């Protein structure tokens, strides 16, 4: 039987341990503080949960790198530090709040061509200007057939740490884990020219499972409505 309790990402254990120690100390000082600490410790463990996902494996599918909501879909120039020119590409932005799973996943199998970190501000990640001004980690991924994808981990108002566990030259598999952002943030995916998103602004995505785009179809841009 599959466990209903998801595993904890290893990056979370130092924080959970620190919260637990603080809880014990607070309980010694005053019992009600200990209960508050216990709640915060449980929330910390919940934040760093890392459930398995069932990733569609058909060639051509682009999978969401993050849990959250599609905040915006727009044409935008990729981050300049990645060196892919100033031609706008379709950018799909997924915003994660503090209750989402924050483990990020590879959207398309291929090779990591370049990694570029840039320090910056900590504006609300739901704002469009966060793509330009916030601290970010940019990943240039190239598929076997030469398609270029750009994935950008963006720090947010609360997020103060971007963790990226891949290296340049590494071969990666669609849906595999590659990092996380603490605590509430955004992930942008820049699609290759001619690839149309299959998600809609306001749609909820699941990292490693939701199909963002399909490179083998010419389906027109989708529209939707709240029901």
N, C-alpha and C. Protein backbone atom coordinates (compact mmCIF):
# COMPACT_ATOMS: atom_id res chain seq x y z
N UNK A 1 0.84 -1.19 0.00
CA UNK A 1 0.00 0.00 0.00
C UNK A 1 0.88 1.25 0.00
N UNK A 2 0.54 2.21 -0.83
CA UNK A 2 1.32 3.44 -0.92
C UNK A 2 1.07 4.32 0.30
N UNK A 3 2.13 4.86 0.87
CA UNK A 3 2.01 5.71 2.04
C UNK A 3 1.35 7.03 1.67
N UNK A 4 0.48 7.53 2.58
CA UNK A 4 -0.17 8.82 2.36
C UNK A 4 0.69 9.97 2.88
N UNK A 5 1.80 9.64 3.54
CA UNK A 5 2.71 10.67 4.04
C UNK A 5 3.87 10.81 3.06
N UNK A 6 3.99 11.95 2.36
CA UNK A 6 5.06 12.10 1.37
C UNK A 6 6.42 12.21 2.05
N UNK A 7 7.48 11.80 1.37
CA UNK A 7 8.82 11.96 1.93
C UNK A 7 9.21 13.42 2.02
N UNK A 8 10.23 13.70 2.83
CA UNK A 8 10.73 15.06 3.01
C UNK A 8 11.99 15.23 2.17
N UNK A 9 12.07 16.34 1.45
CA UNK A 9 13.27 16.63 0.69
C UNK A 9 14.44 16.84 1.66
N UNK A 10 15.60 16.30 1.32
CA UNK A 10 16.73 16.34 2.25
C UNK A 10 17.17 17.76 2.58
N UNK A 11 16.89 18.72 1.69
CA UNK A 11 17.25 20.11 1.97
C UNK A 11 16.44 20.68 3.12
N UNK A 12 15.34 20.02 3.47
CA UNK A 12 14.49 20.54 4.52
C UNK A 12 14.86 20.11 5.92
N UNK A 13 15.64 19.02 6.03
CA UNK A 13 15.91 18.48 7.36
C UNK A 13 16.65 19.46 8.28
N UNK A 14 17.63 20.24 7.82
CA UNK A 14 18.26 21.22 8.73
C UNK A 14 17.26 22.22 9.30
N UNK A 15 16.28 22.64 8.49
CA UNK A 15 15.29 23.60 8.95
C UNK A 15 14.32 22.94 9.93
N UNK A 16 13.88 21.73 9.60
CA UNK A 16 12.96 21.03 10.49
C UNK A 16 13.62 20.77 11.84
N UNK A 17 14.89 20.38 11.82
CA UNK A 17 15.63 20.14 13.06
C UNK A 17 15.75 21.41 13.88
N UNK A 18 16.06 22.52 13.21
CA UNK A 18 16.19 23.80 13.91
C UNK A 18 14.86 24.21 14.53
N UNK A 19 13.76 24.02 13.78
CA UNK A 19 12.43 24.35 14.32
C UNK A 19 12.12 23.47 15.53
N UNK A 20 12.47 22.18 15.46
CA UNK A 20 12.18 21.26 16.55
C UNK A 20 12.96 21.63 17.81
N UNK A 21 14.25 21.98 17.65
CA UNK A 21 15.07 22.39 18.80
C UNK A 21 14.51 23.67 19.42
N UNK A 22 14.13 24.63 18.57
CA UNK A 22 13.55 25.87 19.07
C UNK A 22 12.25 25.59 19.82
N UNK A 23 11.47 24.62 19.33
CA UNK A 23 10.21 24.27 19.99
C UNK A 23 10.45 23.75 21.40
N UNK A 24 11.44 22.89 21.56
CA UNK A 24 11.77 22.35 22.88
C UNK A 24 12.19 23.48 23.83
N UNK A 25 13.03 24.39 23.34
CA UNK A 25 13.48 25.49 24.18
C UNK A 25 12.31 26.41 24.56
N UNK A 26 11.43 26.67 23.61
CA UNK A 26 10.28 27.52 23.90
C UNK A 26 9.35 26.85 24.91
N UNK A 27 9.18 25.53 24.78
CA UNK A 27 8.31 24.81 25.71
C UNK A 27 8.88 24.86 27.13
N UNK A 28 10.20 24.84 27.24
CA UNK A 28 10.83 24.94 28.55
C UNK A 28 10.56 26.32 29.16
N UNK A 29 10.62 27.36 28.33
CA UNK A 29 10.38 28.72 28.80
C UNK A 29 8.92 28.92 29.19
N UNK A 30 8.03 28.46 28.30
CA UNK A 30 6.59 28.65 28.55
C UNK A 30 5.83 27.69 27.64
N UNK A 31 5.03 26.84 28.20
CA UNK A 31 4.39 25.75 27.44
C UNK A 31 3.60 26.22 26.22
N UNK A 32 2.80 27.30 26.32
CA UNK A 32 2.07 27.74 25.11
C UNK A 32 2.99 28.07 23.94
N UNK A 33 4.18 28.61 24.23
CA UNK A 33 5.13 28.87 23.14
C UNK A 33 5.58 27.58 22.48
N UNK A 34 5.68 26.54 23.29
CA UNK A 34 6.05 25.23 22.74
C UNK A 34 5.03 24.72 21.75
N UNK A 35 3.74 24.94 22.04
CA UNK A 35 2.70 24.51 21.11
C UNK A 35 2.77 25.30 19.80
N UNK A 36 3.05 26.59 19.92
CA UNK A 36 3.21 27.40 18.70
C UNK A 36 4.40 26.88 17.89
N UNK A 37 5.50 26.58 18.59
CA UNK A 37 6.67 26.03 17.90
C UNK A 37 6.38 24.70 17.23
N UNK A 38 5.55 23.88 17.88
CA UNK A 38 5.20 22.58 17.31
C UNK A 38 4.43 22.74 16.00
N UNK A 39 3.51 23.70 16.00
CA UNK A 39 2.74 23.97 14.78
C UNK A 39 3.66 24.43 13.66
N UNK A 40 4.60 25.32 13.98
CA UNK A 40 5.53 25.82 12.98
C UNK A 40 6.46 24.71 12.47
N UNK A 41 6.85 23.81 13.37
CA UNK A 41 7.69 22.68 12.95
C UNK A 41 6.95 21.78 11.98
N UNK A 42 5.67 21.52 12.26
CA UNK A 42 4.86 20.70 11.36
C UNK A 42 4.68 21.39 10.01
N UNK A 43 4.49 22.72 10.05
CA UNK A 43 4.37 23.45 8.79
C UNK A 43 5.66 23.37 7.98
N UNK A 44 6.80 23.47 8.66
CA UNK A 44 8.10 23.38 7.97
C UNK A 44 8.25 22.03 7.29
N UNK A 45 7.88 20.96 8.00
CA UNK A 45 7.94 19.62 7.40
C UNK A 45 7.00 19.52 6.20
N UNK A 46 5.83 20.14 6.33
CA UNK A 46 4.86 20.14 5.23
C UNK A 46 5.41 20.89 4.03
N UNK A 47 6.08 22.00 4.27
CA UNK A 47 6.63 22.80 3.17
C UNK A 47 7.66 22.01 2.37
N UNK A 48 8.49 21.24 3.04
CA UNK A 48 9.57 20.52 2.37
C UNK A 48 9.16 19.12 1.89
N UNK A 49 7.87 18.84 1.85
CA UNK A 49 7.43 17.54 1.35
C UNK A 49 7.86 17.36 -0.09
N UNK A 50 8.10 16.13 -0.47
CA UNK A 50 8.65 15.84 -1.80
C UNK A 50 8.00 14.59 -2.37
N UNK A 51 6.73 14.68 -2.75
CA UNK A 51 6.01 13.49 -3.24
C UNK A 51 6.49 13.05 -4.61
N UNK A 52 6.39 11.76 -4.89
CA UNK A 52 6.66 11.26 -6.23
C UNK A 52 5.57 11.74 -7.19
N UNK A 53 5.92 11.85 -8.44
CA UNK A 53 4.97 12.28 -9.47
C UNK A 53 5.01 11.30 -10.64
N UNK A 54 3.89 11.18 -11.35
CA UNK A 54 3.80 10.32 -12.53
C UNK A 54 3.95 11.22 -13.76
N UNK A 55 5.12 11.17 -14.39
CA UNK A 55 5.44 12.07 -15.51
C UNK A 55 5.10 11.43 -16.85
N UNK A 56 4.30 12.09 -17.70
CA UNK A 56 4.07 11.59 -19.06
C UNK A 56 5.40 11.50 -19.81
N UNK A 57 5.63 10.39 -20.49
CA UNK A 57 6.95 10.16 -21.09
C UNK A 57 6.95 10.22 -22.61
N UNK A 58 5.84 10.58 -23.24
CA UNK A 58 5.83 10.65 -24.69
C UNK A 58 6.76 11.77 -25.17
N UNK A 59 7.49 11.49 -26.24
CA UNK A 59 8.39 12.49 -26.82
C UNK A 59 7.60 13.74 -27.23
N UNK A 60 8.20 14.89 -26.99
CA UNK A 60 7.60 16.15 -27.42
C UNK A 60 6.81 16.88 -26.35
N UNK A 61 6.51 16.21 -25.23
CA UNK A 61 5.72 16.86 -24.18
C UNK A 61 6.62 17.70 -23.29
N UNK A 62 6.17 18.91 -23.01
CA UNK A 62 6.86 19.81 -22.08
C UNK A 62 6.05 19.82 -20.79
N UNK A 63 6.69 19.48 -19.68
CA UNK A 63 5.99 19.27 -18.42
C UNK A 63 6.28 20.42 -17.46
N UNK A 64 5.30 20.75 -16.65
CA UNK A 64 5.47 21.86 -15.70
C UNK A 64 6.61 21.59 -14.73
N UNK A 65 7.48 22.58 -14.50
CA UNK A 65 8.58 22.42 -13.56
C UNK A 65 8.18 22.72 -12.13
N UNK A 66 6.95 23.21 -11.91
CA UNK A 66 6.59 23.66 -10.57
C UNK A 66 5.11 23.44 -10.29
N UNK A 67 4.80 23.19 -9.02
CA UNK A 67 3.43 23.25 -8.55
C UNK A 67 3.03 24.72 -8.43
N UNK A 68 1.77 25.02 -8.68
CA UNK A 68 1.34 26.40 -8.50
C UNK A 68 0.26 26.80 -9.48
N UNK A 69 0.22 28.08 -9.80
CA UNK A 69 -0.78 28.64 -10.70
C UNK A 69 -0.06 29.33 -11.86
N UNK A 70 -0.56 29.13 -13.07
CA UNK A 70 -0.01 29.84 -14.23
C UNK A 70 -0.36 31.31 -14.07
N UNK A 71 0.64 32.10 -13.67
CA UNK A 71 0.41 33.51 -13.35
C UNK A 71 0.25 34.34 -14.62
N UNK A 72 1.08 34.04 -15.62
CA UNK A 72 0.99 34.80 -16.87
C UNK A 72 1.64 34.00 -18.00
N UNK A 73 1.16 34.27 -19.21
CA UNK A 73 1.75 33.74 -20.44
C UNK A 73 1.98 34.95 -21.34
N UNK A 74 3.23 35.19 -21.70
CA UNK A 74 3.55 36.40 -22.46
C UNK A 74 4.81 36.18 -23.28
N UNK A 75 4.99 37.00 -24.30
CA UNK A 75 6.24 37.01 -25.05
C UNK A 75 7.25 37.87 -24.29
N UNK A 76 8.44 37.33 -24.08
CA UNK A 76 9.45 38.06 -23.31
C UNK A 76 10.84 37.64 -23.77
N UNK A 77 11.79 38.54 -23.61
CA UNK A 77 13.19 38.25 -23.93
C UNK A 77 13.81 37.44 -22.79
N UNK A 78 14.51 36.35 -23.09
CA UNK A 78 15.12 35.55 -22.03
C UNK A 78 16.16 36.36 -21.26
N UNK A 79 16.50 35.94 -20.03
CA UNK A 79 17.53 36.64 -19.26
C UNK A 79 18.82 36.79 -20.06
N UNK A 80 19.41 37.98 -20.08
CA UNK A 80 20.58 38.22 -20.94
C UNK A 80 21.80 37.39 -20.55
N UNK A 81 21.90 36.99 -19.28
CA UNK A 81 23.09 36.26 -18.85
C UNK A 81 23.20 34.87 -19.47
N UNK A 82 22.12 34.39 -20.08
CA UNK A 82 22.17 33.07 -20.69
C UNK A 82 22.69 33.14 -22.13
N UNK A 83 22.70 34.35 -22.73
CA UNK A 83 23.31 34.55 -24.03
C UNK A 83 22.57 34.01 -25.22
N UNK A 84 21.24 34.05 -25.19
CA UNK A 84 20.45 33.54 -26.31
C UNK A 84 19.79 34.66 -27.13
N UNK A 85 20.33 35.86 -27.02
CA UNK A 85 19.85 36.95 -27.85
C UNK A 85 18.64 37.66 -27.28
N UNK A 86 18.11 38.61 -28.08
CA UNK A 86 17.01 39.46 -27.62
C UNK A 86 15.70 39.18 -28.34
N UNK A 87 15.61 38.04 -29.01
CA UNK A 87 14.36 37.68 -29.66
C UNK A 87 13.37 37.18 -28.61
N UNK A 88 12.18 37.78 -28.52
CA UNK A 88 11.20 37.33 -27.52
C UNK A 88 10.76 35.89 -27.76
N UNK A 89 10.50 35.20 -26.68
CA UNK A 89 9.98 33.83 -26.71
C UNK A 89 8.73 33.78 -25.83
N UNK A 90 7.91 32.77 -26.07
CA UNK A 90 6.73 32.59 -25.21
C UNK A 90 7.18 32.13 -23.83
N UNK A 91 6.79 32.89 -22.81
CA UNK A 91 7.18 32.59 -21.44
C UNK A 91 5.94 32.20 -20.64
N UNK A 92 6.03 31.03 -20.00
CA UNK A 92 4.97 30.57 -19.11
C UNK A 92 5.48 30.70 -17.68
N UNK A 93 4.78 31.46 -16.85
CA UNK A 93 5.22 31.72 -15.48
C UNK A 93 4.30 31.00 -14.50
N UNK A 94 4.89 30.16 -13.65
CA UNK A 94 4.14 29.42 -12.64
C UNK A 94 4.50 29.97 -11.26
N UNK A 95 3.50 30.50 -10.55
CA UNK A 95 3.73 31.09 -9.24
C UNK A 95 3.44 30.07 -8.14
N UNK A 96 4.38 29.93 -7.21
CA UNK A 96 4.22 29.02 -6.07
C UNK A 96 3.98 29.82 -4.81
N UNK A 97 2.91 29.51 -4.08
CA UNK A 97 2.73 30.13 -2.77
C UNK A 97 3.36 29.23 -1.70
N UNK A 98 3.30 29.65 -0.45
CA UNK A 98 4.02 28.94 0.61
C UNK A 98 3.40 27.57 0.92
N UNK A 99 2.23 27.26 0.36
CA UNK A 99 1.60 25.98 0.62
C UNK A 99 1.83 24.96 -0.49
N UNK A 100 2.42 25.39 -1.60
CA UNK A 100 2.71 24.46 -2.70
C UNK A 100 3.95 23.63 -2.40
N UNK A 101 4.04 22.47 -3.05
CA UNK A 101 5.30 21.72 -3.07
C UNK A 101 6.32 22.59 -3.81
N UNK A 102 7.51 22.75 -3.24
CA UNK A 102 8.49 23.66 -3.83
C UNK A 102 9.66 22.95 -4.52
N UNK A 103 9.58 21.66 -4.65
CA UNK A 103 10.60 20.93 -5.40
C UNK A 103 10.36 21.14 -6.88
N UNK A 104 11.36 21.59 -7.61
CA UNK A 104 11.24 21.87 -9.04
C UNK A 104 11.70 20.68 -9.87
N UNK A 105 11.12 20.54 -11.06
CA UNK A 105 11.40 19.39 -11.92
C UNK A 105 11.73 19.82 -13.35
N UNK A 106 12.51 19.01 -14.02
CA UNK A 106 12.94 19.29 -15.39
C UNK A 106 11.74 19.20 -16.35
N UNK A 107 11.50 20.23 -17.18
CA UNK A 107 10.34 20.21 -18.07
C UNK A 107 10.50 19.40 -19.34
N UNK A 108 11.74 19.13 -19.74
CA UNK A 108 12.00 18.42 -21.00
C UNK A 108 13.37 17.77 -20.93
N UNK A 109 13.47 16.52 -21.35
CA UNK A 109 14.74 15.82 -21.30
C UNK A 109 15.76 16.43 -22.26
N UNK A 110 17.04 16.39 -21.89
CA UNK A 110 18.09 16.94 -22.74
C UNK A 110 19.38 17.12 -21.97
N UNK A 111 20.17 18.11 -22.38
CA UNK A 111 21.47 18.39 -21.75
C UNK A 111 21.48 19.83 -21.23
N UNK A 112 22.06 20.00 -20.05
CA UNK A 112 22.21 21.34 -19.49
C UNK A 112 23.38 22.03 -20.18
N UNK A 113 23.09 23.06 -20.97
CA UNK A 113 24.11 23.78 -21.72
C UNK A 113 24.80 24.83 -20.86
N UNK A 114 24.00 25.55 -20.06
CA UNK A 114 24.58 26.64 -19.27
C UNK A 114 23.72 26.92 -18.06
N UNK A 115 24.38 27.29 -16.96
CA UNK A 115 23.73 27.76 -15.75
C UNK A 115 24.22 29.18 -15.46
N UNK A 116 23.32 30.06 -15.04
CA UNK A 116 23.72 31.44 -14.74
C UNK A 116 22.91 31.95 -13.56
N UNK A 117 23.61 32.29 -12.49
CA UNK A 117 22.97 32.85 -11.30
C UNK A 117 23.14 34.37 -11.30
N UNK A 118 22.07 35.09 -10.93
CA UNK A 118 22.16 36.54 -10.84
C UNK A 118 21.47 37.02 -9.57
N UNK A 119 22.21 37.70 -8.69
CA UNK A 119 21.57 38.26 -7.49
C UNK A 119 20.62 39.38 -7.87
N UNK A 120 19.69 39.69 -6.99
CA UNK A 120 18.74 40.75 -7.29
C UNK A 120 17.84 41.06 -6.12
N UNK A 121 16.70 41.64 -6.42
CA UNK A 121 15.75 42.06 -5.39
C UNK A 121 14.84 40.89 -5.00
N UNK A 122 13.95 41.17 -4.05
CA UNK A 122 13.00 40.16 -3.59
C UNK A 122 11.59 40.74 -3.66
N UNK A 123 11.20 41.16 -4.87
CA UNK A 123 9.86 41.67 -5.10
C UNK A 123 8.87 40.52 -5.08
N UNK A 124 7.60 40.84 -4.95
CA UNK A 124 6.56 39.82 -5.03
C UNK A 124 6.71 39.06 -6.36
N UNK A 125 6.86 37.74 -6.29
CA UNK A 125 7.14 36.95 -7.49
C UNK A 125 5.97 36.91 -8.46
N UNK A 126 4.79 37.34 -8.03
CA UNK A 126 3.65 37.35 -8.94
C UNK A 126 3.67 38.54 -9.89
N UNK A 127 4.56 39.51 -9.63
CA UNK A 127 4.66 40.69 -10.49
C UNK A 127 5.49 40.39 -11.73
N UNK A 128 5.11 40.97 -12.85
CA UNK A 128 5.84 40.73 -14.10
C UNK A 128 7.29 41.18 -13.99
N UNK A 129 7.55 42.31 -13.29
CA UNK A 129 8.91 42.82 -13.21
C UNK A 129 9.83 41.95 -12.36
N UNK A 130 9.26 40.96 -11.65
CA UNK A 130 10.10 40.04 -10.88
C UNK A 130 11.04 39.26 -11.80
N UNK A 131 10.61 38.99 -13.03
CA UNK A 131 11.45 38.27 -13.98
C UNK A 131 12.72 39.03 -14.30
N UNK A 132 12.64 40.37 -14.25
CA UNK A 132 13.79 41.21 -14.60
C UNK A 132 14.65 41.57 -13.40
N UNK A 133 14.01 41.86 -12.27
CA UNK A 133 14.75 42.46 -11.16
C UNK A 133 15.08 41.50 -10.01
N UNK A 134 14.34 40.41 -9.86
CA UNK A 134 14.56 39.54 -8.70
C UNK A 134 15.77 38.64 -8.85
N UNK A 135 16.26 38.16 -7.71
CA UNK A 135 17.31 37.14 -7.72
C UNK A 135 16.83 35.93 -8.52
N UNK A 136 17.72 35.34 -9.34
CA UNK A 136 17.27 34.24 -10.17
C UNK A 136 18.41 33.28 -10.52
N UNK A 137 18.01 32.07 -10.86
CA UNK A 137 18.91 31.05 -11.39
C UNK A 137 18.36 30.63 -12.75
N UNK A 138 19.14 30.87 -13.80
CA UNK A 138 18.69 30.56 -15.16
C UNK A 138 19.36 29.29 -15.66
N UNK A 139 18.56 28.45 -16.31
CA UNK A 139 19.03 27.16 -16.82
C UNK A 139 18.76 27.10 -18.32
N UNK A 140 19.79 26.85 -19.10
CA UNK A 140 19.64 26.67 -20.55
C UNK A 140 19.70 25.17 -20.83
N UNK A 141 18.59 24.64 -21.32
CA UNK A 141 18.46 23.20 -21.60
C UNK A 141 18.28 23.00 -23.09
N UNK A 142 19.02 22.06 -23.66
CA UNK A 142 18.90 21.76 -25.09
C UNK A 142 18.50 20.30 -25.27
N UNK A 143 17.45 20.06 -26.07
CA UNK A 143 16.98 18.71 -26.33
C UNK A 143 17.88 18.01 -27.35
N UNK A 144 17.66 16.71 -27.53
CA UNK A 144 18.47 15.94 -28.48
C UNK A 144 18.31 16.44 -29.90
N UNK A 145 17.13 17.00 -30.22
CA UNK A 145 16.91 17.51 -31.58
C UNK A 145 17.25 19.00 -31.71
N UNK A 146 17.95 19.56 -30.71
CA UNK A 146 18.46 20.91 -30.83
C UNK A 146 17.52 22.03 -30.41
N UNK A 147 16.42 21.72 -29.73
CA UNK A 147 15.50 22.76 -29.27
C UNK A 147 16.03 23.34 -27.95
N UNK A 148 16.00 24.68 -27.86
CA UNK A 148 16.48 25.35 -26.65
C UNK A 148 15.34 25.75 -25.74
N UNK A 149 15.45 25.35 -24.47
CA UNK A 149 14.51 25.75 -23.43
C UNK A 149 15.26 26.55 -22.38
N UNK A 150 14.59 27.53 -21.82
CA UNK A 150 15.16 28.28 -20.70
C UNK A 150 14.22 28.13 -19.52
N UNK A 151 14.77 27.71 -18.39
CA UNK A 151 14.00 27.59 -17.15
C UNK A 151 14.64 28.54 -16.14
N UNK A 152 13.81 29.35 -15.48
CA UNK A 152 14.33 30.35 -14.55
C UNK A 152 13.65 30.20 -13.19
N UNK A 153 14.46 29.91 -12.17
CA UNK A 153 13.97 29.91 -10.79
C UNK A 153 14.09 31.33 -10.26
N UNK A 154 12.99 31.90 -9.79
CA UNK A 154 12.97 33.29 -9.37
C UNK A 154 12.59 33.38 -7.89
N UNK A 155 13.44 34.04 -7.11
CA UNK A 155 13.12 34.27 -5.69
C UNK A 155 11.96 35.24 -5.58
N UNK A 156 11.24 35.18 -4.45
CA UNK A 156 10.08 36.04 -4.28
C UNK A 156 10.19 36.92 -3.05
N UNK A 157 9.04 37.40 -2.60
CA UNK A 157 8.99 38.31 -1.47
C UNK A 157 9.49 37.65 -0.19
N UNK A 158 9.14 36.37 -0.02
CA UNK A 158 9.54 35.62 1.17
C UNK A 158 10.74 34.73 0.86
N UNK A 159 10.82 34.23 -0.37
CA UNK A 159 11.92 33.32 -0.74
C UNK A 159 13.26 34.03 -0.66
N UNK A 160 14.23 33.40 -0.05
CA UNK A 160 15.56 34.00 0.09
C UNK A 160 16.66 33.03 -0.30
N UNK A 161 16.30 31.91 -0.87
CA UNK A 161 17.33 30.92 -1.20
C UNK A 161 16.88 30.08 -2.37
N UNK A 162 17.64 30.13 -3.46
CA UNK A 162 17.39 29.28 -4.62
C UNK A 162 18.38 28.12 -4.57
N UNK A 163 17.88 26.92 -4.70
CA UNK A 163 18.73 25.74 -4.67
C UNK A 163 18.62 25.03 -6.02
N UNK A 164 19.75 24.90 -6.71
CA UNK A 164 19.79 24.24 -8.01
C UNK A 164 20.83 23.13 -7.95
N UNK A 165 20.41 21.90 -8.18
CA UNK A 165 21.28 20.74 -7.96
C UNK A 165 21.84 20.12 -9.24
N UNK A 166 21.74 20.82 -10.37
CA UNK A 166 22.26 20.28 -11.61
C UNK A 166 23.53 21.02 -12.00
N UNK A 167 24.28 20.46 -12.95
CA UNK A 167 25.54 21.05 -13.38
C UNK A 167 25.57 21.16 -14.90
N UNK A 168 26.40 22.06 -15.40
CA UNK A 168 26.55 22.21 -16.85
C UNK A 168 27.10 20.94 -17.46
N UNK A 169 26.55 20.56 -18.61
CA UNK A 169 26.96 19.34 -19.29
C UNK A 169 26.21 18.10 -18.85
N UNK A 170 25.36 18.23 -17.83
CA UNK A 170 24.63 17.08 -17.30
C UNK A 170 23.46 16.72 -18.20
N UNK A 171 23.25 15.42 -18.41
CA UNK A 171 22.06 14.94 -19.10
C UNK A 171 20.93 14.80 -18.09
N UNK A 172 19.75 15.30 -18.43
CA UNK A 172 18.63 15.28 -17.50
C UNK A 172 17.41 14.65 -18.16
N UNK A 173 16.54 14.11 -17.31
CA UNK A 173 15.34 13.42 -17.76
C UNK A 173 14.11 14.25 -17.42
N UNK A 174 13.16 14.29 -18.30
CA UNK A 174 11.92 15.02 -18.07
C UNK A 174 11.26 14.55 -16.77
N UNK A 175 10.90 15.49 -15.92
CA UNK A 175 10.22 15.16 -14.67
C UNK A 175 11.14 14.91 -13.50
N UNK A 176 12.46 14.85 -13.74
CA UNK A 176 13.39 14.60 -12.65
C UNK A 176 13.56 15.86 -11.79
N UNK A 177 13.85 15.67 -10.52
CA UNK A 177 14.03 16.79 -9.60
C UNK A 177 15.34 17.51 -9.91
N UNK A 178 15.32 18.85 -9.79
CA UNK A 178 16.58 19.57 -10.02
C UNK A 178 16.85 20.67 -8.99
N UNK A 179 15.92 20.92 -8.08
CA UNK A 179 16.16 21.96 -7.08
C UNK A 179 14.89 22.40 -6.41
N UNK A 180 14.98 23.47 -5.63
CA UNK A 180 13.81 24.06 -4.98
C UNK A 180 14.11 25.51 -4.62
N UNK A 181 13.05 26.23 -4.25
CA UNK A 181 13.19 27.62 -3.82
C UNK A 181 12.46 27.77 -2.50
N UNK A 182 13.09 28.40 -1.52
CA UNK A 182 12.46 28.66 -0.23
C UNK A 182 12.08 30.14 -0.16
N UNK A 183 10.95 30.57 0.25
CA UNK A 183 9.70 29.92 0.63
C UNK A 183 8.57 30.63 -0.12
N UNK A 184 8.21 30.34 -1.29
CA UNK A 184 7.22 31.07 -2.07
C UNK A 184 7.93 31.81 -3.20
N UNK A 185 7.64 31.49 -4.44
CA UNK A 185 8.48 31.99 -5.52
C UNK A 185 7.82 31.71 -6.87
N UNK A 186 8.65 31.69 -7.95
CA UNK A 186 8.12 31.51 -9.29
C UNK A 186 9.13 30.80 -10.17
N UNK A 187 8.63 30.05 -11.15
CA UNK A 187 9.48 29.42 -12.15
C UNK A 187 8.94 29.80 -13.53
N UNK A 188 9.82 30.34 -14.38
CA UNK A 188 9.48 30.70 -15.75
C UNK A 188 10.03 29.65 -16.70
N UNK A 189 9.26 29.32 -17.73
CA UNK A 189 9.73 28.46 -18.81
C UNK A 189 9.59 29.21 -20.13
N UNK A 190 10.70 29.39 -20.84
CA UNK A 190 10.68 30.03 -22.16
C UNK A 190 10.67 28.92 -23.20
N UNK A 191 9.64 28.89 -24.02
CA UNK A 191 9.45 27.83 -25.00
C UNK A 191 10.17 28.16 -26.31
N UNK A 192 10.57 27.13 -27.07
CA UNK A 192 11.17 27.37 -28.38
C UNK A 192 10.18 28.03 -29.33
N UNK A 193 10.69 28.67 -30.35
CA UNK A 193 9.86 29.35 -31.34
C UNK A 193 8.88 28.36 -31.97
N UNK A 194 7.62 28.76 -32.07
CA UNK A 194 6.62 27.94 -32.71
C UNK A 194 5.91 26.95 -31.81
N UNK A 195 6.30 26.88 -30.54
CA UNK A 195 5.66 25.96 -29.59
C UNK A 195 4.59 26.72 -28.82
N UNK A 196 3.36 26.24 -28.85
CA UNK A 196 2.23 26.92 -28.23
C UNK A 196 1.90 26.31 -26.88
N UNK A 197 1.71 27.13 -25.84
CA UNK A 197 1.34 26.58 -24.53
C UNK A 197 -0.02 25.89 -24.58
N UNK A 198 -0.16 24.84 -23.80
CA UNK A 198 -1.43 24.14 -23.68
C UNK A 198 -2.07 24.39 -22.32
N UNK A 199 -1.54 25.36 -21.59
CA UNK A 199 -2.14 25.77 -20.33
C UNK A 199 -2.71 27.17 -20.47
N UNK A 200 -3.48 27.59 -19.49
CA UNK A 200 -4.19 28.87 -19.53
C UNK A 200 -3.87 29.63 -18.25
N UNK A 201 -3.80 30.95 -18.34
CA UNK A 201 -3.57 31.76 -17.15
C UNK A 201 -4.64 31.46 -16.11
N UNK A 202 -4.20 31.26 -14.86
CA UNK A 202 -5.10 30.93 -13.77
C UNK A 202 -5.21 29.43 -13.52
N UNK A 203 -4.68 28.62 -14.44
CA UNK A 203 -4.74 27.16 -14.29
C UNK A 203 -3.74 26.68 -13.25
N UNK A 204 -4.15 25.68 -12.46
CA UNK A 204 -3.26 25.07 -11.48
C UNK A 204 -2.41 24.00 -12.15
N UNK A 205 -1.11 24.00 -11.85
CA UNK A 205 -0.21 23.00 -12.43
C UNK A 205 0.39 22.11 -11.34
N UNK A 206 0.79 20.93 -11.74
CA UNK A 206 1.47 19.98 -10.85
C UNK A 206 2.83 19.68 -11.46
N UNK A 207 3.88 19.95 -10.70
CA UNK A 207 5.24 19.72 -11.20
C UNK A 207 5.43 18.26 -11.57
N UNK A 208 6.03 18.04 -12.74
CA UNK A 208 6.30 16.68 -13.18
C UNK A 208 5.12 15.96 -13.78
N UNK A 209 3.94 16.61 -13.83
CA UNK A 209 2.76 15.93 -14.36
C UNK A 209 1.98 16.76 -15.38
N UNK A 210 1.74 18.04 -15.10
CA UNK A 210 0.93 18.86 -16.00
C UNK A 210 1.68 19.16 -17.29
N UNK A 211 1.03 18.95 -18.43
CA UNK A 211 1.63 19.23 -19.73
C UNK A 211 1.51 20.72 -20.03
N UNK A 212 2.66 21.41 -20.16
CA UNK A 212 2.66 22.83 -20.50
C UNK A 212 2.51 23.05 -22.00
N UNK A 213 3.12 22.16 -22.80
CA UNK A 213 3.11 22.32 -24.25
C UNK A 213 3.42 20.98 -24.89
N UNK A 214 3.12 20.87 -26.19
CA UNK A 214 3.39 19.66 -26.95
C UNK A 214 4.05 20.07 -28.27
N UNK A 215 5.33 19.73 -28.43
CA UNK A 215 6.07 20.15 -29.62
C UNK A 215 5.65 19.40 -30.88
N UNK A 216 4.82 18.37 -30.72
CA UNK A 216 4.42 17.58 -31.89
C UNK A 216 3.03 17.95 -32.39
N UNK A 217 2.42 19.00 -31.84
CA UNK A 217 1.09 19.39 -32.27
C UNK A 217 1.06 20.85 -32.68
N UNK A 218 0.10 21.20 -33.51
CA UNK A 218 -0.10 22.59 -33.94
C UNK A 218 -1.41 23.13 -33.37
N UNK A 219 -1.83 22.62 -32.22
CA UNK A 219 -3.06 23.07 -31.59
C UNK A 219 -2.99 24.57 -31.32
N UNK A 220 -4.05 25.31 -31.61
CA UNK A 220 -4.04 26.77 -31.35
C UNK A 220 -4.02 27.06 -29.86
N UNK A 221 -3.73 28.31 -29.52
CA UNK A 221 -3.70 28.74 -28.13
C UNK A 221 -5.03 28.45 -27.45
N UNK A 222 -4.98 27.84 -26.28
CA UNK A 222 -6.21 27.51 -25.57
C UNK A 222 -6.77 28.72 -24.83
N UNK A 223 -8.09 28.73 -24.71
CA UNK A 223 -8.77 29.73 -23.89
C UNK A 223 -9.59 28.98 -22.87
N UNK A 224 -9.94 29.65 -21.79
CA UNK A 224 -10.72 28.98 -20.75
C UNK A 224 -11.54 29.98 -19.96
N UNK A 225 -12.36 29.44 -19.06
CA UNK A 225 -13.17 30.30 -18.20
C UNK A 225 -13.36 29.60 -16.86
N UNK A 226 -13.57 30.40 -15.83
CA UNK A 226 -13.77 29.86 -14.49
C UNK A 226 -15.19 29.31 -14.40
N UNK A 227 -15.32 28.08 -13.92
CA UNK A 227 -16.65 27.46 -13.79
C UNK A 227 -16.80 26.83 -12.42
